[in-house]
PDB file of N, CA and C in Angstrom:
ATOM      1  N   VAL A   1     -54.832  46.341  16.524  1.00  0.00           N
ATOM      2  CA  VAL A   1     -54.596  45.420  17.710  1.00  0.00           C
ATOM      3  C   VAL A   1     -52.713  45.543  18.125  1.00  0.00           C
ATOM      4  N   GLN A   2     -52.955  45.664  19.353  1.00  0.00           N
ATOM      5  CA  GLN A   2     -51.110  45.993  19.796  1.00  0.00           C
ATOM      6  C   GLN A   2     -51.159  44.439  20.524  1.00  0.00           C
ATOM      7  N   LEU A   3     -49.877  44.085  20.764  1.00  0.00           N
ATOM      8  CA  LEU A   3     -49.682  42.885  21.331  1.00  0.00           C
ATOM      9  C   LEU A   3     -48.161  43.247  21.917  1.00  0.00           C
ATOM     10  N   GLN A   4     -48.494  42.632  23.484  1.00  0.00           N
ATOM     11  CA  GLN A   4     -47.401  43.147  24.061  1.00  0.00           C
ATOM     12  C   GLN A   4     -46.694  41.869  24.944  1.00  0.00           C
ATOM     13  N   ALA A   5     -45.387  41.679  24.408  1.00  0.00           N
ATOM     14  CA  ALA A   5     -45.259  40.015  24.714  1.00  0.00           C
ATOM     15  C   ALA A   5     -44.121  40.499  26.011  1.00  0.00           C
ATOM     16  N   SER A   6     -43.966  39.405  26.936  1.00  0.00           N
ATOM     17  CA  SER A   6     -43.016  39.677  27.915  1.00  0.00           C
ATOM     18  C   SER A   6     -42.430  38.245  28.487  1.00  0.00           C
ATOM     19  N   GLY A   7     -41.581  38.069  29.053  1.00  0.00           N
ATOM     20  CA  GLY A   7     -41.270  36.584  29.856  1.00  0.00           C
ATOM     21  C   GLY A   7     -40.035  35.931  29.209  1.00  0.00           C
ATOM     22  N   GLY A   8     -39.258  36.653  28.398  1.00  0.00           N
ATOM     23  CA  GLY A   8     -37.948  35.809  28.038  1.00  0.00           C
ATOM     24  C   GLY A   8     -36.846  35.790  28.783  1.00  0.00           C
ATOM     25  N   GLY A   9     -36.267  35.851  28.806  1.00  0.00           N
ATOM     26  CA  GLY A   9     -34.690  35.746  29.256  1.00  0.00           C
ATOM     27  C   GLY A   9     -33.377  34.574  29.172  1.00  0.00           C
ATOM     28  N   LEU A  10     -32.401  34.720  30.259  1.00  0.00           N
ATOM     29  CA  LEU A  10     -31.634  33.531  30.057  1.00  0.00           C
ATOM     30  C   LEU A  10     -31.939  32.669  30.799  1.00  0.00           C
ATOM     31  N   VAL A  11     -31.787  31.539  30.543  1.00  0.00           N
ATOM     32  CA  VAL A  11     -32.257  30.135  31.546  1.00  0.00           C
ATOM     33  C   VAL A  11     -30.967  28.985  31.204  1.00  0.00           C
ATOM     34  N   GLN A  12     -30.342  28.370  32.209  1.00  0.00           N
ATOM     35  CA  GLN A  12     -30.025  26.930  31.823  1.00  0.00           C
ATOM     36  C   GLN A  12     -30.604  25.816  31.106  1.00  0.00           C
ATOM     37  N   ALA A  13     -29.983  25.017  30.336  1.00  0.00           N
ATOM     38  CA  ALA A  13     -30.629  23.908  29.581  1.00  0.00           C
ATOM     39  C   ALA A  13     -31.343  22.981  30.940  1.00  0.00           C
ATOM     40  N   GLY A  14     -32.606  22.457  30.367  1.00  0.00           N
ATOM     41  CA  GLY A  14     -33.299  21.822  31.253  1.00  0.00           C
ATOM     42  C   GLY A  14     -34.324  22.452  32.320  1.00  0.00           C
ATOM     43  N   GLY A  15     -34.045  23.910  32.367  1.00  0.00           N
ATOM     44  CA  GLY A  15     -34.867  24.905  32.864  1.00  0.00           C
ATOM     45  C   GLY A  15     -36.190  25.207  32.030  1.00  0.00           C
ATOM     46  N   SER A  16     -37.168  26.574  32.774  1.00  0.00           N
ATOM     47  CA  SER A  16     -38.153  26.587  32.546  1.00  0.00           C
ATOM     48  C   SER A  16     -38.388  28.186  32.491  1.00  0.00           C
ATOM     49  N   LEU A  17     -38.873  28.722  31.605  1.00  0.00           N
ATOM     50  CA  LEU A  17     -39.904  29.963  31.037  1.00  0.00           C
ATOM     51  C   LEU A  17     -41.114  30.312  30.764  1.00  0.00           C
ATOM     52  N   ARG A  18     -41.696  31.089  31.062  1.00  0.00           N
ATOM     53  CA  ARG A  18     -43.062  31.161  30.970  1.00  0.00           C
ATOM     54  C   ARG A  18     -43.262  32.522  29.904  1.00  0.00           C
ATOM     55  N   LEU A  19     -43.946  32.816  28.966  1.00  0.00           N
ATOM     56  CA  LEU A  19     -43.817  33.922  28.206  1.00  0.00           C
ATOM     57  C   LEU A  19     -45.072  34.264  28.162  1.00  0.00           C
ATOM     58  N   SER A  20     -45.670  35.739  28.062  1.00  0.00           N
ATOM     59  CA  SER A  20     -47.010  35.741  28.131  1.00  0.00           C
ATOM     60  C   SER A  20     -47.252  37.132  26.510  1.00  0.00           C
ATOM     61  N   CYS A  21     -48.076  37.122  26.286  1.00  0.00           N
ATOM     62  CA  CYS A  21     -48.531  38.017  25.263  1.00  0.00           C
ATOM     63  C   CYS A  21     -49.994  38.538  25.382  1.00  0.00           C
ATOM     64  N   ALA A  22     -50.243  39.906  25.379  1.00  0.00           N
ATOM     65  CA  ALA A  22     -51.200  40.697  25.860  1.00  0.00           C
ATOM     66  C   ALA A  22     -51.692  41.563  24.632  1.00  0.00           C
ATOM     67  N   ALA A  23     -53.214  41.071  24.340  1.00  0.00           N
ATOM     68  CA  ALA A  23     -53.438  41.830  23.463  1.00  0.00           C
ATOM     69  C   ALA A  23     -54.270  43.111  23.571  1.00  0.00           C
ATOM     70  N   SER A  24     -54.598  44.595  23.086  1.00  0.00           N
ATOM     71  CA  SER A  24     -55.473  45.194  23.123  1.00  0.00           C
ATOM     72  C   SER A  24     -55.704  45.744  21.979  1.00  0.00           C
ATOM     73  N   GLY A  25     -56.839  46.746  22.270  1.00  0.00           N
ATOM     74  CA  GLY A  25     -57.695  47.217  21.033  1.00  0.00           C
ATOM     75  C   GLY A  25     -58.246  46.420  19.999  1.00  0.00           C
ATOM     76  N   SER A  26     -58.374  45.423  20.139  1.00  0.00           N
ATOM     77  CA  SER A  26     -59.191  44.329  19.242  1.00  0.00           C
ATOM     78  C   SER A  26     -60.362  44.564  19.231  1.00  0.00           C
ATOM     79  N   THR A  27     -61.034  45.028  17.996  1.00  0.00           N
ATOM     80  CA  THR A  27     -62.469  44.671  17.801  1.00  0.00           C
ATOM     81  C   THR A  27     -63.199  43.655  17.413  1.00  0.00           C
ATOM     82  N   PHE A  28     -62.357  42.541  17.336  1.00  0.00           N
ATOM     83  CA  PHE A  28     -62.703  41.462  16.878  1.00  0.00           C
ATOM     84  C   PHE A  28     -62.143  40.266  17.868  1.00  0.00           C
ATOM     85  N   ILE A  29     -63.011  39.171  17.697  1.00  0.00           N
ATOM     86  CA  ILE A  29     -62.478  38.030  18.722  1.00  0.00           C
ATOM     87  C   ILE A  29     -61.398  37.255  17.703  1.00  0.00           C
ATOM     88  N   ILE A  30     -60.310  37.344  19.034  1.00  0.00           N
ATOM     89  CA  ILE A  30     -59.015  36.627  18.458  1.00  0.00           C
ATOM     90  C   ILE A  30     -59.208  35.041  17.818  1.00  0.00           C
ATOM     91  N   ASP A  31     -59.167  34.651  16.857  1.00  0.00           N
ATOM     92  CA  ASP A  31     -59.230  33.519  16.537  1.00  0.00           C
ATOM     93  C   ASP A  31     -58.181  32.835  16.835  1.00  0.00           C
ATOM     94  N   ASN A  32     -56.827  32.570  16.253  1.00  0.00           N
ATOM     95  CA  ASN A  32     -55.624  31.927  16.198  1.00  0.00           C
ATOM     96  C   ASN A  32     -54.742  32.741  17.154  1.00  0.00           C
ATOM     97  N   PHE A  33     -54.214  32.408  18.072  1.00  0.00           N
ATOM     98  CA  PHE A  33     -53.133  33.269  18.982  1.00  0.00           C
ATOM     99  C   PHE A  33     -51.894  32.440  19.424  1.00  0.00           C
ATOM    100  N   GLY A  34     -50.671  32.605  19.345  1.00  0.00           N
ATOM    101  CA  GLY A  34     -49.822  31.635  19.173  1.00  0.00           C
ATOM    102  C   GLY A  34     -48.729  32.706  19.229  1.00  0.00           C
ATOM    103  N   TRP A  35     -47.577  31.741  18.990  1.00  0.00           N
ATOM    104  CA  TRP A  35     -46.129  32.332  18.833  1.00  0.00           C
ATOM    105  C   TRP A  35     -45.144  31.490  17.756  1.00  0.00           C
ATOM    106  N   TYR A  36     -44.425  32.679  16.824  1.00  0.00           N
ATOM    107  CA  TYR A  36     -43.448  31.942  16.207  1.00  0.00           C
ATOM    108  C   TYR A  36     -41.999  32.338  17.041  1.00  0.00           C
ATOM    109  N   ARG A  37     -41.013  31.853  16.438  1.00  0.00           N
ATOM    110  CA  ARG A  37     -39.340  32.282  16.924  1.00  0.00           C
ATOM    111  C   ARG A  37     -38.551  31.993  15.846  1.00  0.00           C
ATOM    112  N   GLN A  38     -37.867  32.682  15.866  1.00  0.00           N
ATOM    113  CA  GLN A  38     -36.627  33.033  14.904  1.00  0.00           C
ATOM    114  C   GLN A  38     -35.236  32.570  15.475  1.00  0.00           C
ATOM    115  N   ALA A  39     -34.450  32.009  15.236  1.00  0.00           N
ATOM    116  CA  ALA A  39     -32.960  31.659  15.572  1.00  0.00           C
ATOM    117  C   ALA A  39     -32.229  32.317  14.225  1.00  0.00           C
ATOM    118  N   PRO A  40     -30.920  32.741  15.062  1.00  0.00           N
ATOM    119  CA  PRO A  40     -30.083  33.279  13.993  1.00  0.00           C
ATOM    120  C   PRO A  40     -29.583  32.396  12.958  1.00  0.00           C
ATOM    121  N   GLY A  41     -29.871  33.032  11.821  1.00  0.00           N
ATOM    122  CA  GLY A  41     -29.196  32.176  10.617  1.00  0.00           C
ATOM    123  C   GLY A  41     -30.563  31.543  10.213  1.00  0.00           C
ATOM    124  N   LYS A  42     -31.729  31.267  10.974  1.00  0.00           N
ATOM    125  CA  LYS A  42     -32.716  30.354  10.299  1.00  0.00           C
ATOM    126  C   LYS A  42     -34.181  31.159   9.876  1.00  0.00           C
ATOM    127  N   GLN A  43     -35.057  30.625   9.189  1.00  0.00           N
ATOM    128  CA  GLN A  43     -36.032  30.662   9.049  1.00  0.00           C
ATOM    129  C   GLN A  43     -37.318  31.164  10.324  1.00  0.00           C
ATOM    130  N   ARG A  44     -38.110  32.252  10.368  1.00  0.00           N
ATOM    131  CA  ARG A  44     -39.072  32.075  11.292  1.00  0.00           C
ATOM    132  C   ARG A  44     -40.076  30.713  11.584  1.00  0.00           C
ATOM    133  N   GLU A  45     -40.268  30.153  12.281  1.00  0.00           N
ATOM    134  CA  GLU A  45     -40.966  28.903  12.448  1.00  0.00           C
ATOM    135  C   GLU A  45     -42.174  28.988  13.654  1.00  0.00           C
ATOM    136  N   LEU A  46     -43.310  28.467  13.185  1.00  0.00           N
ATOM    137  CA  LEU A  46     -44.442  28.230  14.094  1.00  0.00           C
ATOM    138  C   LEU A  46     -43.855  27.322  15.376  1.00  0.00           C
ATOM    139  N   VAL A  47     -44.147  27.931  16.553  1.00  0.00           N
ATOM    140  CA  VAL A  47     -43.904  27.162  17.734  1.00  0.00           C
ATOM    141  C   VAL A  47     -45.093  26.693  18.086  1.00  0.00           C
ATOM    142  N   ALA A  48     -46.316  27.361  18.019  1.00  0.00           N
ATOM    143  CA  ALA A  48     -47.335  26.886  18.913  1.00  0.00           C
ATOM    144  C   ALA A  48     -48.603  27.824  18.675  1.00  0.00           C
ATOM    145  N   VAL A  49     -49.567  27.313  18.586  1.00  0.00           N
ATOM    146  CA  VAL A  49     -51.225  27.996  18.335  1.00  0.00           C
ATOM    147  C   VAL A  49     -52.189  27.575  18.908  1.00  0.00           C
ATOM    148  N   ILE A  50     -52.923  28.144  19.503  1.00  0.00           N
ATOM    149  CA  ILE A  50     -54.168  27.877  20.065  1.00  0.00           C
ATOM    150  C   ILE A  50     -55.492  28.685  19.381  1.00  0.00           C
ATOM    151  N   SER A  51     -56.544  28.039  19.231  1.00  0.00           N
ATOM    152  CA  SER A  51     -57.402  28.293  18.488  1.00  0.00           C
ATOM    153  C   SER A  51     -58.519  29.270  19.727  1.00  0.00           C
ATOM    154  N   SER A  52     -59.613  29.618  19.204  1.00  0.00           N
ATOM    155  CA  SER A  52     -60.429  30.284  19.917  1.00  0.00           C
ATOM    156  C   SER A  52     -61.675  29.308  20.414  1.00  0.00           C
ATOM    157  N   GLY A  53     -61.260  27.863  19.952  1.00  0.00           N
ATOM    158  CA  GLY A  53     -61.950  27.102  20.512  1.00  0.00           C
ATOM    159  C   GLY A  53     -61.106  26.078  21.830  1.00  0.00           C
ATOM    160  N   GLY A  54     -59.633  26.436  21.774  1.00  0.00           N
ATOM    161  CA  GLY A  54     -58.997  25.598  22.477  1.00  0.00           C
ATOM    162  C   GLY A  54     -58.174  24.512  21.898  1.00  0.00           C
ATOM    163  N   SER A  55     -58.279  24.479  20.468  1.00  0.00           N
ATOM    164  CA  SER A  55     -57.619  23.555  19.957  1.00  0.00           C
ATOM    165  C   SER A  55     -55.898  24.073  19.821  1.00  0.00           C
ATOM    166  N   THR A  56     -54.977  23.106  19.888  1.00  0.00           N
ATOM    167  CA  THR A  56     -53.417  23.571  20.204  1.00  0.00           C
ATOM    168  C   THR A  56     -52.837  22.824  18.893  1.00  0.00           C
ATOM    169  N   THR A  57     -52.120  23.513  18.816  1.00  0.00           N
ATOM    170  CA  THR A  57     -51.036  22.704  17.546  1.00  0.00           C
ATOM    171  C   THR A  57     -49.589  23.055  18.220  1.00  0.00           C
ATOM    172  N   TYR A  58     -48.610  22.278  17.762  1.00  0.00           N
ATOM    173  CA  TYR A  58     -47.058  22.577  18.324  1.00  0.00           C
ATOM    174  C   TYR A  58     -46.639  21.956  16.880  1.00  0.00           C
ATOM    175  N   THR A  59     -45.371  22.493  17.074  1.00  0.00           N
ATOM    176  CA  THR A  59     -44.157  22.142  16.349  1.00  0.00           C
ATOM    177  C   THR A  59     -43.486  20.813  16.797  1.00  0.00           C
ATOM    178  N   ASP A  60     -43.329  19.613  16.033  1.00  0.00           N
ATOM    179  CA  ASP A  60     -42.872  18.649  16.442  1.00  0.00           C
ATOM    180  C   ASP A  60     -41.690  18.611  17.744  1.00  0.00           C
ATOM    181  N   SER A  61     -40.806  19.741  17.513  1.00  0.00           N
ATOM    182  CA  SER A  61     -39.859  19.880  18.281  1.00  0.00           C
ATOM    183  C   SER A  61     -40.247  20.155  19.920  1.00  0.00           C
ATOM    184  N   VAL A  62     -41.118  20.764  19.977  1.00  0.00           N
ATOM    185  CA  VAL A  62     -41.649  20.970  21.113  1.00  0.00           C
ATOM    186  C   VAL A  62     -42.678  20.587  21.773  1.00  0.00           C
ATOM    187  N   LYS A  63     -43.091  19.564  21.510  1.00  0.00           N
ATOM    188  CA  LYS A  63     -44.163  18.721  21.708  1.00  0.00           C
ATOM    189  C   LYS A  63     -43.892  17.792  22.872  1.00  0.00           C
ATOM    190  N   GLY A  64     -44.806  18.204  24.131  1.00  0.00           N
ATOM    191  CA  GLY A  64     -44.190  17.459  25.684  1.00  0.00           C
ATOM    192  C   GLY A  64     -43.653  18.099  26.222  1.00  0.00           C
ATOM    193  N   ARG A  65     -42.991  19.416  25.704  1.00  0.00           N
ATOM    194  CA  ARG A  65     -42.190  20.338  26.692  1.00  0.00           C
ATOM    195  C   ARG A  65     -42.821  21.602  26.853  1.00  0.00           C
ATOM    196  N   PHE A  66     -43.441  22.039  25.669  1.00  0.00           N
ATOM    197  CA  PHE A  66     -44.108  23.446  25.542  1.00  0.00           C
ATOM    198  C   PHE A  66     -45.710  23.192  26.015  1.00  0.00           C
ATOM    199  N   THR A  67     -46.046  24.166  26.523  1.00  0.00           N
ATOM    200  CA  THR A  67     -47.737  24.070  26.534  1.00  0.00           C
ATOM    201  C   THR A  67     -48.367  25.612  26.432  1.00  0.00           C
ATOM    202  N   ILE A  68     -49.200  25.618  25.154  1.00  0.00           N
ATOM    203  CA  ILE A  68     -49.478  27.163  25.057  1.00  0.00           C
ATOM    204  C   ILE A  68     -51.156  27.259  25.510  1.00  0.00           C
ATOM    205  N   SER A  69     -51.330  28.382  26.201  1.00  0.00           N
ATOM    206  CA  SER A  69     -52.813  28.425  26.661  1.00  0.00           C
ATOM    207  C   SER A  69     -53.235  29.811  26.903  1.00  0.00           C
ATOM    208  N   ARG A  70     -54.500  30.066  26.620  1.00  0.00           N
ATOM    209  CA  ARG A  70     -54.949  31.509  26.676  1.00  0.00           C
ATOM    210  C   ARG A  70     -56.070  31.744  27.827  1.00  0.00           C
ATOM    211  N   ASP A  71     -56.098  33.079  27.988  1.00  0.00           N
ATOM    212  CA  ASP A  71     -57.127  33.781  28.552  1.00  0.00           C
ATOM    213  C   ASP A  71     -57.470  34.776  27.801  1.00  0.00           C
ATOM    214  N   THR A  72     -58.999  33.865  27.366  1.00  0.00           N
ATOM    215  CA  THR A  72     -59.758  34.937  26.390  1.00  0.00           C
ATOM    216  C   THR A  72     -60.231  36.088  27.212  1.00  0.00           C
ATOM    217  N   ALA A  73     -61.123  36.005  28.383  1.00  0.00           N
ATOM    218  CA  ALA A  73     -61.301  37.160  28.998  1.00  0.00           C
ATOM    219  C   ALA A  73     -60.146  38.487  28.962  1.00  0.00           C
ATOM    220  N   LYS A  74     -59.072  38.241  29.336  1.00  0.00           N
ATOM    221  CA  LYS A  74     -57.822  39.192  29.321  1.00  0.00           C
ATOM    222  C   LYS A  74     -57.350  39.243  28.273  1.00  0.00           C
ATOM    223  N   GLU A  75     -57.650  38.335  26.870  1.00  0.00           N
ATOM    224  CA  GLU A  75     -56.752  38.406  25.528  1.00  0.00           C
ATOM    225  C   GLU A  75     -55.537  38.302  26.056  1.00  0.00           C
ATOM    226  N   THR A  76     -55.312  37.424  26.311  1.00  0.00           N
ATOM    227  CA  THR A  76     -53.693  36.757  26.741  1.00  0.00           C
ATOM    228  C   THR A  76     -53.377  35.431  26.340  1.00  0.00           C
ATOM    229  N   VAL A  77     -52.142  35.418  25.542  1.00  0.00           N
ATOM    230  CA  VAL A  77     -51.992  33.945  25.380  1.00  0.00           C
ATOM    231  C   VAL A  77     -50.143  33.732  26.072  1.00  0.00           C
ATOM    232  N   PHE A  78     -50.402  32.634  26.730  1.00  0.00           N
ATOM    233  CA  PHE A  78     -49.215  31.983  27.433  1.00  0.00           C
ATOM    234  C   PHE A  78     -48.559  30.894  26.858  1.00  0.00           C
ATOM    235  N   LEU A  79     -46.977  30.590  26.931  1.00  0.00           N
ATOM    236  CA  LEU A  79     -46.365  29.864  26.416  1.00  0.00           C
ATOM    237  C   LEU A  79     -45.349  29.487  27.420  1.00  0.00           C
ATOM    238  N   GLN A  80     -45.800  28.001  28.248  1.00  0.00           N
ATOM    239  CA  GLN A  80     -45.179  27.581  29.156  1.00  0.00           C
ATOM    240  C   GLN A  80     -44.183  26.548  28.553  1.00  0.00           C
ATOM    241  N   MET A  81     -42.660  26.966  28.673  1.00  0.00           N
ATOM    242  CA  MET A  81     -41.517  26.139  28.270  1.00  0.00           C
ATOM    243  C   MET A  81     -40.957  25.678  29.217  1.00  0.00           C
ATOM    244  N   ASP A  82     -40.756  24.137  29.121  1.00  0.00           N
ATOM    245  CA  ASP A  82     -39.880  23.483  30.260  1.00  0.00           C
ATOM    246  C   ASP A  82     -39.072  22.618  29.600  1.00  0.00           C
ATOM    247  N   SER A  83     -38.329  21.971  30.184  1.00  0.00           N
ATOM    248  CA  SER A  83     -37.275  21.297  29.762  1.00  0.00           C
ATOM    249  C   SER A  83     -36.586  21.651  28.637  1.00  0.00           C
ATOM    250  N   LEU A  84     -36.012  22.901  28.832  1.00  0.00           N
ATOM    251  CA  LEU A  84     -35.564  24.005  27.596  1.00  0.00           C
ATOM    252  C   LEU A  84     -34.244  23.329  27.248  1.00  0.00           C
ATOM    253  N   LYS A  85     -34.097  23.427  26.032  1.00  0.00           N
ATOM    254  CA  LYS A  85     -32.555  23.074  25.235  1.00  0.00           C
ATOM    255  C   LYS A  85     -32.111  24.214  24.525  1.00  0.00           C
ATOM    256  N   ILE A  86     -30.832  23.694  24.510  1.00  0.00           N
ATOM    257  CA  ILE A  86     -30.234  24.976  23.460  1.00  0.00           C
ATOM    258  C   ILE A  86     -30.210  25.329  22.328  1.00  0.00           C
ATOM    259  N   GLU A  87     -30.977  24.723  21.553  1.00  0.00           N
ATOM    260  CA  GLU A  87     -32.017  24.433  20.218  1.00  0.00           C
ATOM    261  C   GLU A  87     -32.983  25.555  20.309  1.00  0.00           C
ATOM    262  N   ASP A  88     -33.599  25.842  21.519  1.00  0.00           N
ATOM    263  CA  ASP A  88     -34.625  26.820  22.109  1.00  0.00           C
ATOM    264  C   ASP A  88     -34.549  28.275  21.595  1.00  0.00           C
ATOM    265  N   THR A  89     -33.236  28.262  21.398  1.00  0.00           N
ATOM    266  CA  THR A  89     -32.590  29.717  21.838  1.00  0.00           C
ATOM    267  C   THR A  89     -33.187  30.476  20.319  1.00  0.00           C
ATOM    268  N   ALA A  90     -33.840  31.536  20.729  1.00  0.00           N
ATOM    269  CA  ALA A  90     -34.414  32.229  19.371  1.00  0.00           C
ATOM    270  C   ALA A  90     -35.221  33.500  19.915  1.00  0.00           C
ATOM    271  N   VAL A  91     -35.221  34.356  19.058  1.00  0.00           N
ATOM    272  CA  VAL A  91     -36.498  35.555  19.573  1.00  0.00           C
ATOM    273  C   VAL A  91     -37.778  34.898  19.194  1.00  0.00           C
ATOM    274  N   TYR A  92     -38.602  35.027  20.218  1.00  0.00           N
ATOM    275  CA  TYR A  92     -40.077  34.530  20.105  1.00  0.00           C
ATOM    276  C   TYR A  92     -41.014  35.997  20.065  1.00  0.00           C
ATOM    277  N   TYR A  93     -41.728  35.319  18.880  1.00  0.00           N
ATOM    278  CA  TYR A  93     -42.841  36.507  18.687  1.00  0.00           C
ATOM    279  C   TYR A  93     -44.296  36.068  18.583  1.00  0.00           C
ATOM    280  N   CYS A  94     -44.981  36.940  19.039  1.00  0.00           N
ATOM    281  CA  CYS A  94     -46.352  36.197  19.319  1.00  0.00           C
ATOM    282  C   CYS A  94     -46.965  37.217  18.417  1.00  0.00           C
ATOM    283  N   PHE A  95     -48.379  36.059  17.901  1.00  0.00           N
ATOM    284  CA  PHE A  95     -49.114  36.756  17.142  1.00  0.00           C
ATOM    285  C   PHE A  95     -50.731  36.648  17.150  1.00  0.00           C
ATOM    286  N   ALA A  96     -51.526  37.508  16.588  1.00  0.00           N
ATOM    287  CA  ALA A  96     -52.820  37.073  16.809  1.00  0.00           C
ATOM    288  C   ALA A  96     -53.628  37.489  15.736  1.00  0.00           C
ATOM    289  N   GLU A  97     -54.473  36.615  15.495  1.00  0.00           N
ATOM    290  CA  GLU A  97     -55.384  36.429  14.062  1.00  0.00           C
ATOM    291  C   GLU A  97     -56.823  36.739  14.246  1.00  0.00           C
ATOM    292  N   ALA A  98     -56.942  38.206  13.783  1.00  0.00           N
ATOM    293  CA  ALA A  98     -58.307  38.837  14.379  1.00  0.00           C
ATOM    294  C   ALA A  98     -58.868  39.727  13.036  1.00  0.00           C
ATOM    295  N   ARG A  99     -59.153  38.963  11.765  1.00  0.00           N
ATOM    296  CA  ARG A  99     -59.327  39.448  10.616  1.00  0.00           C
ATOM    297  C   ARG A  99     -58.100  39.666   9.951  1.00  0.00           C
ATOM    298  N   ALA A 100     -57.205  39.995  10.731  1.00  0.00           N
ATOM    299  CA  ALA A 100     -55.408  40.246   9.758  1.00  0.00           C
ATOM    300  C   ALA A 100     -54.680  39.572  11.012  1.00  0.00           C
ATOM    301  N   ILE A 101     -54.009  39.357  10.660  1.00  0.00           N
ATOM    302  CA  ILE A 101     -52.650  38.822  11.731  1.00  0.00           C
ATOM    303  C   ILE A 101     -51.983  40.214  12.160  1.00  0.00           C
ATOM    304  N   TYR A 102     -51.496  39.983  13.652  1.00  0.00           N
ATOM    305  CA  TYR A 102     -50.833  40.974  14.027  1.00  0.00           C
ATOM    306  C   TYR A 102     -49.813  40.644  14.952  1.00  0.00           C
ATOM    307  N   TRP A 103     -48.740  41.274  15.089  1.00  0.00           N
ATOM    308  CA  TRP A 103     -47.320  40.676  15.527  1.00  0.00           C
ATOM    309  C   TRP A 103     -46.886  41.545  16.700  1.00  0.00           C
ATOM    310  N   GLY A 104     -46.678  40.849  17.683  1.00  0.00           N
ATOM    311  CA  GLY A 104     -45.923  41.435  18.957  1.00  0.00           C
ATOM    312  C   GLY A 104     -44.396  41.793  18.666  1.00  0.00           C
ATOM    313  N   GLN A 105     -43.752  42.800  19.754  1.00  0.00           N
ATOM    314  CA  GLN A 105     -42.300  42.543  19.624  1.00  0.00           C
ATOM    315  C   GLN A 105     -41.934  41.201  20.149  1.00  0.00           C
ATOM    316  N   GLY A 106     -40.730  41.167  19.639  1.00  0.00           N
ATOM    317  CA  GLY A 106     -40.033  39.558  19.739  1.00  0.00           C
ATOM    318  C   GLY A 106     -39.505  39.606  21.515  1.00  0.00           C
ATOM    319  N   THR A 107     -39.586  38.837  21.646  1.00  0.00           N
ATOM    320  CA  THR A 107     -38.516  38.532  23.210  1.00  0.00           C
ATOM    321  C   THR A 107     -37.271  37.583  23.401  1.00  0.00           C
ATOM    322  N   GLN A 108     -36.756  37.995  23.545  1.00  0.00           N
ATOM    323  CA  GLN A 108     -35.424  36.935  23.359  1.00  0.00           C
ATOM    324  C   GLN A 108     -35.476  35.597  24.590  1.00  0.00           C
ATOM    325  N   VAL A 109     -35.236  34.590  23.916  1.00  0.00           N
ATOM    326  CA  VAL A 109     -35.232  33.270  24.717  1.00  0.00           C
ATOM    327  C   VAL A 109     -33.785  32.760  24.513  1.00  0.00           C
ATOM    328  N   THR A 110     -32.725  32.715  25.669  1.00  0.00           N
ATOM    329  CA  THR A 110     -31.666  32.221  25.821  1.00  0.00           C
ATOM    330  C   THR A 110     -31.484  31.311  26.492  1.00  0.00           C
ATOM    331  N   VAL A 111     -31.021  29.929  25.794  1.00  0.00           N
ATOM    332  CA  VAL A 111     -30.977  28.726  26.857  1.00  0.00           C
ATOM    333  C   VAL A 111     -29.317  28.584  26.851  1.00  0.00           C
ATOM    334  N   SER A 112     -28.783  28.417  27.861  1.00  0.00           N
ATOM    335  CA  SER A 112     -27.247  28.095  28.144  1.00  0.00           C
ATOM    336  C   SER A 112     -26.872  26.600  28.347  1.00  0.00           C
ATOM    337  N   SER A 113     -25.820  26.328  28.009  1.00  0.00           N
ATOM    338  CA  SER A 113     -25.265  24.748  28.752  1.00  0.00           C
ATOM    339  C   SER A 113     -24.921  24.979  29.778  1.00  0.00           C
TER     340      SER A 113
END
């Protein structure tokens, strides 16, 4: 399974970004689809995940600001990030769970003051 992430960039605090991650090459249904992030000097943390049934889970720090969604037909997951904070600055990695866990390349999100 190949994952192609896009949508990162530089934004001012309070702004918005939308990340996308498209999967290809999977012969199995993607169960969980989501995003981790890793800030400099910190461990990678789960940001949000959406199941094949549409159930969503968010880390506490992004609840109410980030929204995860997926287009099952296109095997794409989205992360709408609103009210961005400086502490959201990190490299964001998408992942897909389809019998095994697959990772996309990271996309940098930088939030400036």
